[in-house]
Every structure is written in structure tokens, then in C-alpha cells.
């Protein structure tokens, strides 16, 4: 499955850097898609948050591709998929 398909087929997702940063520390994000053509300062901030919280991330798509896959009409610097239920969150994370 391609990255675009992963994001567009996800049952739960969030779009935008503010939402991704808000949810990064909550143990609910499964993967973050960061646009390779987004502002470098923003992408660095997103990558650091992903690394801090152990979230897988991908930087192979453009802002236009992420926006389209997320179902919005404009580009987006990032989007993320969300775990389906509390059962999918490891107890060791204390979430």
C-alpha cells in the first residue's frame, strides 16, 4: 500500500501541524506524514516531536499530496493516522 493510500484509507486521521503537535504526546498517533516541501523549521519541529514520542514518520510526500490524501482541498504540512482504540495503545506507555 502506498503512503497516499495509507493516509487516505485511514479510518481516523488528523490534519495540520497544530493538531499533530497537540496529539503527539498522547500516545494515539500511529504515523505522521510530513511534507518534504514544507518549511524546514516546521519539519524539524515535527520530526523532533515524533522522535521524542516514538512515532513513525514519513517525509516522501509533498504538501499537495498530503492534503489530497487527507481529503482537504489545500496542501498540508503534515497529517497523522490515529490508533483505532485504547486497546491499540500499549499499557507500558501509561496513556
N, C-alpha and C. Protein backbone atom coordinates (compact mmCIF):
# COMPACT_ATOMS: atom_id res chain seq x y z
N UNK A 1 0.85 -1.17 0.00
CA UNK A 1 0.00 0.00 0.00
C UNK A 1 0.90 1.24 0.00
N UNK A 2 0.58 2.20 -0.85
CA UNK A 2 1.39 3.41 -0.92
C UNK A 2 1.08 4.32 0.28
N UNK A 3 1.96 5.26 0.49
CA UNK A 3 1.79 6.19 1.60
C UNK A 3 0.51 6.99 1.45
N UNK A 4 0.22 7.41 0.24
CA UNK A 4 -1.00 8.16 -0.02
C UNK A 4 -2.22 7.31 0.30
N UNK A 5 -2.19 6.03 -0.08
CA UNK A 5 -3.30 5.12 0.22
C UNK A 5 -3.45 4.90 1.72
N UNK A 6 -2.31 4.76 2.43
CA UNK A 6 -2.36 4.57 3.88
C UNK A 6 -3.11 5.70 4.55
N UNK A 7 -2.78 6.92 4.15
CA UNK A 7 -3.40 8.09 4.76
C UNK A 7 -4.85 8.25 4.33
N UNK A 8 -5.12 8.09 3.05
CA UNK A 8 -6.49 8.29 2.57
C UNK A 8 -7.44 7.19 3.04
N UNK A 9 -6.94 5.99 3.29
CA UNK A 9 -7.79 4.88 3.73
C UNK A 9 -7.92 4.79 5.25
N UNK A 10 -7.15 5.58 5.97
CA UNK A 10 -7.20 5.53 7.44
C UNK A 10 -8.58 5.94 7.93
N UNK A 11 -9.12 5.18 8.87
CA UNK A 11 -10.45 5.49 9.38
C UNK A 11 -10.42 6.74 10.26
N UNK A 12 -9.31 6.98 10.92
CA UNK A 12 -9.17 8.15 11.79
C UNK A 12 -7.86 8.84 11.44
N UNK A 13 -7.91 10.16 11.24
CA UNK A 13 -6.71 10.92 10.94
C UNK A 13 -6.90 12.36 11.38
N UNK A 14 -5.79 13.03 11.57
CA UNK A 14 -5.81 14.46 11.86
C UNK A 14 -4.93 15.14 10.84
N UNK A 15 -5.21 16.42 10.59
CA UNK A 15 -4.50 17.16 9.56
C UNK A 15 -4.02 18.49 10.14
N UNK A 16 -2.78 18.83 9.83
CA UNK A 16 -2.23 20.12 10.22
C UNK A 16 -1.23 20.01 11.36
N UNK A 17 -0.26 20.90 11.33
CA UNK A 17 0.83 20.83 12.30
C UNK A 17 0.36 21.09 13.73
N UNK A 18 -0.58 22.00 13.93
CA UNK A 18 -1.05 22.27 15.29
C UNK A 18 -1.73 21.05 15.89
N UNK A 19 -2.55 20.36 15.10
CA UNK A 19 -3.22 19.16 15.60
C UNK A 19 -2.22 18.03 15.86
N UNK A 20 -1.27 17.85 14.95
CA UNK A 20 -0.27 16.79 15.14
C UNK A 20 0.55 17.06 16.40
N UNK A 21 0.99 18.29 16.59
CA UNK A 21 1.77 18.62 17.79
C UNK A 21 0.94 18.43 19.06
N UNK A 22 -0.34 18.77 18.99
CA UNK A 22 -1.24 18.62 20.14
C UNK A 22 -1.37 17.15 20.54
N UNK A 23 -1.49 16.27 19.56
CA UNK A 23 -1.72 14.85 19.83
C UNK A 23 -0.44 14.02 19.95
N UNK A 24 0.71 14.58 19.62
CA UNK A 24 1.97 13.82 19.61
C UNK A 24 2.26 13.14 20.95
N UNK A 25 2.04 13.81 22.04
CA UNK A 25 2.35 13.25 23.35
C UNK A 25 1.24 12.44 23.98
N UNK A 26 0.18 12.16 23.25
CA UNK A 26 -0.97 11.48 23.83
C UNK A 26 -1.02 9.98 23.53
N UNK A 27 -0.03 9.46 22.85
CA UNK A 27 0.05 8.02 22.55
C UNK A 27 -1.03 7.52 21.60
N UNK A 28 -1.63 8.38 20.80
CA UNK A 28 -2.67 7.92 19.90
C UNK A 28 -2.27 7.95 18.43
N UNK A 29 -1.16 8.59 18.09
CA UNK A 29 -0.75 8.67 16.69
C UNK A 29 0.03 7.42 16.28
N UNK A 30 -0.32 6.86 15.13
CA UNK A 30 0.40 5.69 14.65
C UNK A 30 1.49 6.08 13.66
N UNK A 31 1.25 7.09 12.85
CA UNK A 31 2.24 7.53 11.87
C UNK A 31 1.96 8.97 11.48
N UNK A 32 3.03 9.73 11.30
CA UNK A 32 2.91 11.12 10.89
C UNK A 32 3.50 11.26 9.50
N UNK A 33 2.79 11.95 8.64
CA UNK A 33 3.24 12.22 7.28
C UNK A 33 3.63 13.69 7.22
N UNK A 34 4.90 13.96 6.99
CA UNK A 34 5.42 15.32 6.96
C UNK A 34 5.80 15.66 5.52
N UNK A 35 5.34 16.79 5.03
CA UNK A 35 5.60 17.18 3.65
C UNK A 35 7.07 17.56 3.45
N UNK A 36 7.65 17.00 2.40
CA UNK A 36 9.06 17.27 2.12
C UNK A 36 9.29 18.70 1.63
N UNK A 37 8.23 19.36 1.18
CA UNK A 37 8.37 20.73 0.70
C UNK A 37 7.84 21.77 1.69
N UNK A 38 7.58 21.35 2.92
CA UNK A 38 7.12 22.28 3.96
C UNK A 38 8.33 23.04 4.52
N UNK A 39 8.03 24.10 5.26
CA UNK A 39 9.06 24.92 5.88
C UNK A 39 9.99 24.06 6.74
N UNK A 40 11.29 24.24 6.57
CA UNK A 40 12.27 23.40 7.27
C UNK A 40 12.18 23.54 8.79
N UNK A 41 11.92 24.74 9.27
CA UNK A 41 11.80 24.94 10.71
C UNK A 41 10.63 24.12 11.27
N UNK A 42 9.53 24.08 10.54
CA UNK A 42 8.37 23.31 10.95
C UNK A 42 8.64 21.81 10.86
N UNK A 43 9.25 21.37 9.77
CA UNK A 43 9.52 19.94 9.63
C UNK A 43 10.48 19.45 10.71
N UNK A 44 11.46 20.27 11.06
CA UNK A 44 12.38 19.90 12.15
C UNK A 44 11.64 19.74 13.46
N UNK A 45 10.72 20.64 13.74
CA UNK A 45 9.92 20.59 14.97
C UNK A 45 9.07 19.32 15.00
N UNK A 46 8.45 19.00 13.88
CA UNK A 46 7.62 17.79 13.80
C UNK A 46 8.45 16.52 13.94
N UNK A 47 9.61 16.48 13.27
CA UNK A 47 10.47 15.30 13.37
C UNK A 47 10.95 15.09 14.81
N UNK A 48 11.32 16.16 15.48
CA UNK A 48 11.78 16.05 16.88
C UNK A 48 10.67 15.52 17.78
N UNK A 49 9.45 15.99 17.57
CA UNK A 49 8.31 15.51 18.37
C UNK A 49 8.08 14.02 18.12
N UNK A 50 8.16 13.61 16.86
CA UNK A 50 7.98 12.19 16.52
C UNK A 50 9.06 11.34 17.17
N UNK A 51 10.29 11.79 17.11
CA UNK A 51 11.39 11.04 17.71
C UNK A 51 11.25 10.98 19.22
N UNK A 52 10.85 12.09 19.83
CA UNK A 52 10.68 12.14 21.29
C UNK A 52 9.64 11.14 21.77
N UNK A 53 8.53 11.04 21.04
CA UNK A 53 7.43 10.17 21.46
C UNK A 53 7.40 8.82 20.75
N UNK A 54 8.41 8.52 19.96
CA UNK A 54 8.50 7.21 19.31
C UNK A 54 7.46 6.97 18.24
N UNK A 55 7.11 8.03 17.51
CA UNK A 55 6.11 7.92 16.45
C UNK A 55 6.81 7.80 15.11
N UNK A 56 6.40 6.82 14.32
CA UNK A 56 6.95 6.64 12.98
C UNK A 56 6.54 7.83 12.12
N UNK A 57 7.46 8.31 11.27
CA UNK A 57 7.10 9.39 10.36
C UNK A 57 7.67 9.15 8.98
N UNK A 58 7.06 9.81 8.00
CA UNK A 58 7.46 9.66 6.61
C UNK A 58 7.54 11.05 5.98
N UNK A 59 8.57 11.27 5.17
CA UNK A 59 8.75 12.57 4.52
C UNK A 59 8.88 12.44 3.01
N UNK A 60 8.15 11.54 2.41
CA UNK A 60 8.29 11.31 0.97
C UNK A 60 7.23 12.00 0.12
N UNK A 61 6.25 12.65 0.75
CA UNK A 61 5.16 13.29 0.02
C UNK A 61 5.27 14.81 0.05
N UNK A 62 4.56 15.45 -0.88
CA UNK A 62 4.50 16.91 -0.91
C UNK A 62 3.28 17.39 -0.12
N UNK A 63 3.22 18.68 0.12
CA UNK A 63 2.08 19.26 0.81
C UNK A 63 0.79 18.99 0.04
N UNK A 64 0.85 19.12 -1.27
CA UNK A 64 -0.32 18.88 -2.10
C UNK A 64 -0.80 17.42 -1.96
N UNK A 65 0.13 16.47 -2.00
CA UNK A 65 -0.24 15.05 -1.89
C UNK A 65 -0.85 14.74 -0.53
N UNK A 66 -0.28 15.29 0.53
CA UNK A 66 -0.81 15.04 1.87
C UNK A 66 -2.21 15.63 2.00
N UNK A 67 -2.40 16.86 1.53
CA UNK A 67 -3.72 17.48 1.59
C UNK A 67 -4.76 16.68 0.83
N UNK A 68 -4.40 16.25 -0.36
CA UNK A 68 -5.33 15.46 -1.18
C UNK A 68 -5.67 14.13 -0.50
N UNK A 69 -4.66 13.44 0.02
CA UNK A 69 -4.88 12.16 0.70
C UNK A 69 -5.72 12.32 1.96
N UNK A 70 -5.60 13.47 2.60
CA UNK A 70 -6.35 13.72 3.83
C UNK A 70 -7.76 14.22 3.55
N UNK A 71 -8.07 14.43 2.29
CA UNK A 71 -9.42 14.83 1.92
C UNK A 71 -9.71 16.31 2.05
N UNK A 72 -8.66 17.14 2.00
CA UNK A 72 -8.87 18.58 2.03
C UNK A 72 -8.45 19.18 0.69
N UNK A 73 -8.93 20.37 0.41
CA UNK A 73 -8.70 20.97 -0.90
C UNK A 73 -7.41 21.77 -1.00
N UNK A 74 -6.70 21.91 0.09
CA UNK A 74 -5.43 22.66 0.10
C UNK A 74 -4.31 21.76 0.58
N UNK A 75 -3.09 22.17 0.36
CA UNK A 75 -1.95 21.41 0.85
C UNK A 75 -1.85 21.48 2.36
N UNK A 76 -1.14 20.52 2.92
CA UNK A 76 -0.92 20.50 4.37
C UNK A 76 0.51 20.08 4.66
N UNK A 77 1.12 20.73 5.64
CA UNK A 77 2.49 20.40 6.02
C UNK A 77 2.57 19.00 6.63
N UNK A 78 1.47 18.56 7.24
CA UNK A 78 1.50 17.22 7.84
C UNK A 78 0.10 16.70 8.11
N UNK A 79 0.05 15.41 8.34
CA UNK A 79 -1.18 14.72 8.74
C UNK A 79 -0.74 13.47 9.50
N UNK A 80 -1.64 12.89 10.23
CA UNK A 80 -1.29 11.69 11.00
C UNK A 80 -2.47 10.74 11.08
N UNK A 81 -2.15 9.47 11.20
CA UNK A 81 -3.17 8.46 11.44
C UNK A 81 -3.26 8.22 12.94
N UNK A 82 -4.47 7.88 13.39
CA UNK A 82 -4.75 7.70 14.81
C UNK A 82 -5.07 6.24 15.10
N UNK A 83 -4.62 5.76 16.26
CA UNK A 83 -4.94 4.39 16.67
C UNK A 83 -6.44 4.24 16.80
N UNK A 84 -6.92 3.06 16.49
CA UNK A 84 -8.37 2.82 16.44
C UNK A 84 -9.03 2.79 17.81
N UNK A 85 -8.33 2.27 18.83
CA UNK A 85 -8.96 2.18 20.15
C UNK A 85 -7.89 2.17 21.23
N UNK A 86 -8.34 2.31 22.46
CA UNK A 86 -7.43 2.27 23.61
C UNK A 86 -6.67 0.94 23.67
N UNK A 87 -7.27 -0.12 23.15
CA UNK A 87 -6.63 -1.43 23.16
C UNK A 87 -5.33 -1.42 22.35
N UNK A 88 -5.27 -0.53 21.35
CA UNK A 88 -4.09 -0.46 20.49
C UNK A 88 -2.93 0.30 21.14
N UNK A 89 -3.18 0.90 22.32
CA UNK A 89 -2.14 1.67 23.00
C UNK A 89 -1.50 0.80 24.06
N UNK A 90 -0.18 0.57 23.96
CA UNK A 90 0.50 -0.27 24.95
C UNK A 90 0.36 0.28 26.36
N UNK A 91 0.08 -0.59 27.33
CA UNK A 91 -0.07 -0.17 28.72
C UNK A 91 1.22 0.42 29.27
N UNK A 92 2.36 -0.04 28.74
CA UNK A 92 3.65 0.45 29.23
C UNK A 92 3.84 1.94 28.98
N UNK A 93 3.06 2.51 28.07
CA UNK A 93 3.18 3.94 27.80
C UNK A 93 2.43 4.77 28.84
N UNK A 94 1.62 4.15 29.63
CA UNK A 94 0.90 4.85 30.68
C UNK A 94 -0.10 5.86 30.18
N UNK A 95 -0.70 5.60 29.07
CA UNK A 95 -1.66 6.54 28.48
C UNK A 95 -3.08 6.12 28.81
